[in-house]
Amino acid sequence: MITGTVAQTCVLLILTYITNWDKEASAAEDRIREWGGKHDDKGTMNGRVDS
């Protein structure tokens, strides 16, 4: 059981490390815009900032 946990953790760490997060964020922003989100000059969606 501990071997599986260690293996899963290692795979997750490797995938997290090699992911291009800027590219993923850009793709997510494009999908939000496609479904009707509006981007304002402040860099927020629809003028709201989630806290």
PDB file of N, CA and C in Angstrom:
ATOM      1  N   MET A   1       0.821  -1.187   0.000  1.00  0.00           N
ATOM      2  CA  MET A   1       0.000   0.000   0.000  1.00  0.00           C
ATOM      3  C   MET A   1       0.869   1.256   0.000  1.00  0.00           C
ATOM      4  N   ILE A   2       1.923   1.248   0.763  1.00  0.00           N
ATOM      5  CA  ILE A   2       2.798   2.418   0.815  1.00  0.00           C
ATOM      6  C   ILE A   2       3.516   2.619  -0.522  1.00  0.00           C
ATOM      7  N   THR A   3       3.792   1.542  -1.216  1.00  0.00           N
ATOM      8  CA  THR A   3       4.451   1.647  -2.526  1.00  0.00           C
ATOM      9  C   THR A   3       3.552   2.358  -3.521  1.00  0.00           C
ATOM     10  N   GLY A   4       2.280   2.049  -3.510  1.00  0.00           N
ATOM     11  CA  GLY A   4       1.334   2.703  -4.414  1.00  0.00           C
ATOM     12  C   GLY A   4       1.197   4.186  -4.111  1.00  0.00           C
ATOM     13  N   THR A   5       1.189   4.517  -2.833  1.00  0.00           N
ATOM     14  CA  THR A   5       1.098   5.920  -2.429  1.00  0.00           C
ATOM     15  C   THR A   5       2.323   6.689  -2.881  1.00  0.00           C
ATOM     16  N   VAL A   6       3.491   6.104  -2.705  1.00  0.00           N
ATOM     17  CA  VAL A   6       4.741   6.748  -3.123  1.00  0.00           C
ATOM     18  C   VAL A   6       4.776   6.892  -4.641  1.00  0.00           C
ATOM     19  N   ALA A   7       4.366   5.863  -5.355  1.00  0.00           N
ATOM     20  CA  ALA A   7       4.357   5.919  -6.823  1.00  0.00           C
ATOM     21  C   ALA A   7       3.399   6.996  -7.315  1.00  0.00           C
ATOM     22  N   GLN A   8       2.201   7.065  -6.746  1.00  0.00           N
ATOM     23  CA  GLN A   8       1.217   8.059  -7.150  1.00  0.00           C
ATOM     24  C   GLN A   8       1.720   9.475  -6.854  1.00  0.00           C
ATOM     25  N   THR A   9       2.355   9.659  -5.716  1.00  0.00           N
ATOM     26  CA  THR A   9       2.902  10.966  -5.357  1.00  0.00           C
ATOM     27  C   THR A   9       4.012  11.373  -6.317  1.00  0.00           C
ATOM     28  N   CYS A  10       4.875  10.449  -6.671  1.00  0.00           N
ATOM     29  CA  CYS A  10       5.960  10.747  -7.613  1.00  0.00           C
ATOM     30  C   CYS A  10       5.414  11.148  -8.977  1.00  0.00           C
ATOM     31  N   VAL A  11       4.425  10.422  -9.472  1.00  0.00           N
ATOM     32  CA  VAL A  11       3.825  10.747 -10.768  1.00  0.00           C
ATOM     33  C   VAL A  11       3.183  12.121 -10.719  1.00  0.00           C
ATOM     34  N   LEU A  12       2.462  12.416  -9.643  1.00  0.00           N
ATOM     35  CA  LEU A  12       1.825  13.720  -9.504  1.00  0.00           C
ATOM     36  C   LEU A  12       2.862  14.843  -9.465  1.00  0.00           C
ATOM     37  N   LEU A  13       3.937  14.662  -8.748  1.00  0.00           N
ATOM     38  CA  LEU A  13       4.993  15.674  -8.682  1.00  0.00           C
ATOM     39  C   LEU A  13       5.641  15.906 -10.047  1.00  0.00           C
ATOM     40  N   ILE A  14       5.885  14.825 -10.772  1.00  0.00           N
ATOM     41  CA  ILE A  14       6.499  14.943 -12.098  1.00  0.00           C
ATOM     42  C   ILE A  14       5.561  15.682 -13.054  1.00  0.00           C
ATOM     43  N   LEU A  15       4.286  15.307 -13.071  1.00  0.00           N
ATOM     44  CA  LEU A  15       3.336  15.966 -13.960  1.00  0.00           C
ATOM     45  C   LEU A  15       3.163  17.440 -13.600  1.00  0.00           C
ATOM     46  N   THR A  16       3.151  17.746 -12.322  1.00  0.00           N
ATOM     47  CA  THR A  16       3.034  19.137 -11.887  1.00  0.00           C
ATOM     48  C   THR A  16       4.259  19.937 -12.310  1.00  0.00           C
ATOM     49  N   TYR A  17       5.425  19.342 -12.214  1.00  0.00           N
ATOM     50  CA  TYR A  17       6.660  20.026 -12.559  1.00  0.00           C
ATOM     51  C   TYR A  17       6.769  20.306 -14.059  1.00  0.00           C
ATOM     52  N   ILE A  18       6.347  19.366 -14.902  1.00  0.00           N
ATOM     53  CA  ILE A  18       6.552  19.533 -16.348  1.00  0.00           C
ATOM     54  C   ILE A  18       5.420  20.292 -17.038  1.00  0.00           C
ATOM     55  N   THR A  19       4.340  20.578 -16.313  1.00  0.00           N
ATOM     56  CA  THR A  19       3.217  21.298 -16.910  1.00  0.00           C
ATOM     57  C   THR A  19       3.571  22.753 -17.128  1.00  0.00           C
ATOM     58  N   ASN A  20       3.231  23.280 -18.294  1.00  0.00           N
ATOM     59  CA  ASN A  20       3.427  24.693 -18.603  1.00  0.00           C
ATOM     60  C   ASN A  20       2.185  25.427 -18.110  1.00  0.00           C
ATOM     61  N   TRP A  21       2.259  25.971 -16.883  1.00  0.00           N
ATOM     62  CA  TRP A  21       1.090  26.565 -16.246  1.00  0.00           C
ATOM     63  C   TRP A  21       0.646  27.840 -16.933  1.00  0.00           C
ATOM     64  N   ASP A  22       1.561  28.604 -17.531  1.00  0.00           N
ATOM     65  CA  ASP A  22       1.172  29.807 -18.266  1.00  0.00           C
ATOM     66  C   ASP A  22       0.307  29.438 -19.473  1.00  0.00           C
ATOM     67  N   LYS A  23       0.693  28.381 -20.164  1.00  0.00           N
ATOM     68  CA  LYS A  23      -0.080  27.912 -21.314  1.00  0.00           C
ATOM     69  C   LYS A  23      -1.458  27.407 -20.873  1.00  0.00           C
ATOM     70  N   GLU A  24      -1.515  26.683 -19.760  1.00  0.00           N
ATOM     71  CA  GLU A  24      -2.782  26.179 -19.251  1.00  0.00           C
ATOM     72  C   GLU A  24      -3.709  27.327 -18.839  1.00  0.00           C
ATOM     73  N   ALA A  25      -3.148  28.348 -18.196  1.00  0.00           N
ATOM     74  CA  ALA A  25      -3.951  29.500 -17.779  1.00  0.00           C
ATOM     75  C   ALA A  25      -4.490  30.255 -18.994  1.00  0.00           C
ATOM     76  N   SER A  26      -3.668  30.375 -20.027  1.00  0.00           N
ATOM     77  CA  SER A  26      -4.091  31.046 -21.243  1.00  0.00           C
ATOM     78  C   SER A  26      -5.227  30.275 -21.918  1.00  0.00           C
ATOM     79  N   ALA A  27      -5.106  28.968 -21.959  1.00  0.00           N
ATOM     80  CA  ALA A  27      -6.153  28.141 -22.563  1.00  0.00           C
ATOM     81  C   ALA A  27      -7.450  28.246 -21.757  1.00  0.00           C
ATOM     82  N   ALA A  28      -7.344  28.279 -20.434  1.00  0.00           N
ATOM     83  CA  ALA A  28      -8.533  28.413 -19.591  1.00  0.00           C
ATOM     84  C   ALA A  28      -9.200  29.769 -19.820  1.00  0.00           C
ATOM     85  N   GLU A  29      -8.398  30.820 -19.944  1.00  0.00           N
ATOM     86  CA  GLU A  29      -8.942  32.152 -20.195  1.00  0.00           C
ATOM     87  C   GLU A  29      -9.669  32.192 -21.539  1.00  0.00           C
ATOM     88  N   ASP A  30      -9.090  31.539 -22.550  1.00  0.00           N
ATOM     89  CA  ASP A  30      -9.737  31.478 -23.863  1.00  0.00           C
ATOM     90  C   ASP A  30     -11.082  30.757 -23.778  1.00  0.00           C
ATOM     91  N   ARG A  31     -11.145  29.668 -23.007  1.00  0.00           N
ATOM     92  CA  ARG A  31     -12.409  28.932 -22.860  1.00  0.00           C
ATOM     93  C   ARG A  31     -13.452  29.786 -22.135  1.00  0.00           C
ATOM     94  N   ILE A  32     -13.018  30.550 -21.130  1.00  0.00           N
ATOM     95  CA  ILE A  32     -13.958  31.419 -20.411  1.00  0.00           C
ATOM     96  C   ILE A  32     -14.509  32.480 -21.351  1.00  0.00           C
ATOM     97  N   ARG A  33     -13.636  33.082 -22.150  1.00  0.00           N
ATOM     98  CA  ARG A  33     -14.095  34.096 -23.107  1.00  0.00           C
ATOM     99  C   ARG A  33     -15.054  33.502 -24.125  1.00  0.00           C
ATOM    100  N   GLU A  34     -14.772  32.290 -24.570  1.00  0.00           N
ATOM    101  CA  GLU A  34     -15.627  31.626 -25.560  1.00  0.00           C
ATOM    102  C   GLU A  34     -17.035  31.414 -25.006  1.00  0.00           C
ATOM    103  N   TRP A  35     -17.158  31.167 -23.716  1.00  0.00           N
ATOM    104  CA  TRP A  35     -18.458  30.906 -23.112  1.00  0.00           C
ATOM    105  C   TRP A  35     -19.098  32.168 -22.543  1.00  0.00           C
ATOM    106  N   GLY A  36     -18.580  33.352 -22.887  1.00  0.00           N
ATOM    107  CA  GLY A  36     -19.278  34.580 -22.551  1.00  0.00           C
ATOM    108  C   GLY A  36     -18.649  35.447 -21.495  1.00  0.00           C
ATOM    109  N   GLY A  37     -17.481  35.088 -20.976  1.00  0.00           N
ATOM    110  CA  GLY A  37     -16.818  35.947 -20.007  1.00  0.00           C
ATOM    111  C   GLY A  37     -16.236  37.164 -20.710  1.00  0.00           C
ATOM    112  N   LYS A  38     -16.298  38.309 -20.062  1.00  0.00           N
ATOM    113  CA  LYS A  38     -15.739  39.528 -20.649  1.00  0.00           C
ATOM    114  C   LYS A  38     -14.530  39.949 -19.846  1.00  0.00           C
ATOM    115  N   HIS A  39     -13.486  40.354 -20.524  1.00  0.00           N
ATOM    116  CA  HIS A  39     -12.237  40.744 -19.883  1.00  0.00           C
ATOM    117  C   HIS A  39     -12.165  42.263 -19.868  1.00  0.00           C
ATOM    118  N   ASP A  40     -11.933  42.847 -18.680  1.00  0.00           N
ATOM    119  CA  ASP A  40     -11.844  44.302 -18.611  1.00  0.00           C
ATOM    120  C   ASP A  40     -10.383  44.754 -18.525  1.00  0.00           C
ATOM    121  N   ASP A  41     -10.164  46.075 -18.426  1.00  0.00           N
ATOM    122  CA  ASP A  41      -8.811  46.628 -18.420  1.00  0.00           C
ATOM    123  C   ASP A  41      -8.034  46.307 -17.150  1.00  0.00           C
ATOM    124  N   LYS A  42      -8.721  45.915 -16.076  1.00  0.00           N
ATOM    125  CA  LYS A  42      -8.051  45.640 -14.821  1.00  0.00           C
ATOM    126  C   LYS A  42      -7.465  44.229 -14.767  1.00  0.00           C
ATOM    127  N   GLY A  43      -7.727  43.448 -15.783  1.00  0.00           N
ATOM    128  CA  GLY A  43      -7.227  42.082 -15.804  1.00  0.00           C
ATOM    129  C   GLY A  43      -8.117  41.115 -15.030  1.00  0.00           C
ATOM    130  N   THR A  44      -9.340  41.544 -14.739  1.00  0.00           N
ATOM    131  CA  THR A  44     -10.274  40.674 -14.035  1.00  0.00           C
ATOM    132  C   THR A  44     -11.399  40.292 -14.978  1.00  0.00           C
ATOM    133  N   MET A  45     -12.106  39.277 -14.642  1.00  0.00           N
ATOM    134  CA  MET A  45     -13.239  38.841 -15.435  1.00  0.00           C
ATOM    135  C   MET A  45     -14.493  39.544 -14.926  1.00  0.00           C
ATOM    136  N   ASN A  46     -15.194  40.257 -15.804  1.00  0.00           N
ATOM    137  CA  ASN A  46     -16.441  40.948 -15.486  1.00  0.00           C
ATOM    138  C   ASN A  46     -16.303  41.936 -14.340  1.00  0.00           C
ATOM    139  N   GLY A  47     -15.099  42.459 -14.141  1.00  0.00           N
ATOM    140  CA  GLY A  47     -14.895  43.483 -13.131  1.00  0.00           C
ATOM    141  C   GLY A  47     -14.838  42.984 -11.696  1.00  0.00           C
ATOM    142  N   ARG A  48     -14.906  41.665 -11.505  1.00  0.00           N
ATOM    143  CA  ARG A  48     -14.890  41.118 -10.154  1.00  0.00           C
ATOM    144  C   ARG A  48     -13.547  40.490  -9.866  1.00  0.00           C
ATOM    145  N   VAL A  49     -13.150  40.584  -8.617  1.00  0.00           N
ATOM    146  CA  VAL A  49     -11.937  39.922  -8.173  1.00  0.00           C
ATOM    147  C   VAL A  49     -12.356  38.932  -7.101  1.00  0.00           C
ATOM    148  N   ASP A  50     -12.070  37.658  -7.325  1.00  0.00           N
ATOM    149  CA  ASP A  50     -12.415  36.651  -6.319  1.00  0.00           C
ATOM    150  C   ASP A  50     -11.390  36.688  -5.214  1.00  0.00           C
ATOM    151  N   SER A  51     -11.871  36.619  -3.985  1.00  0.00           N
ATOM    152  CA  SER A  51     -10.937  36.623  -2.861  1.00  0.00           C
ATOM    153  C   SER A  51     -11.005  35.342  -2.076  1.00  0.00           C
TER     154      SER A  51
END
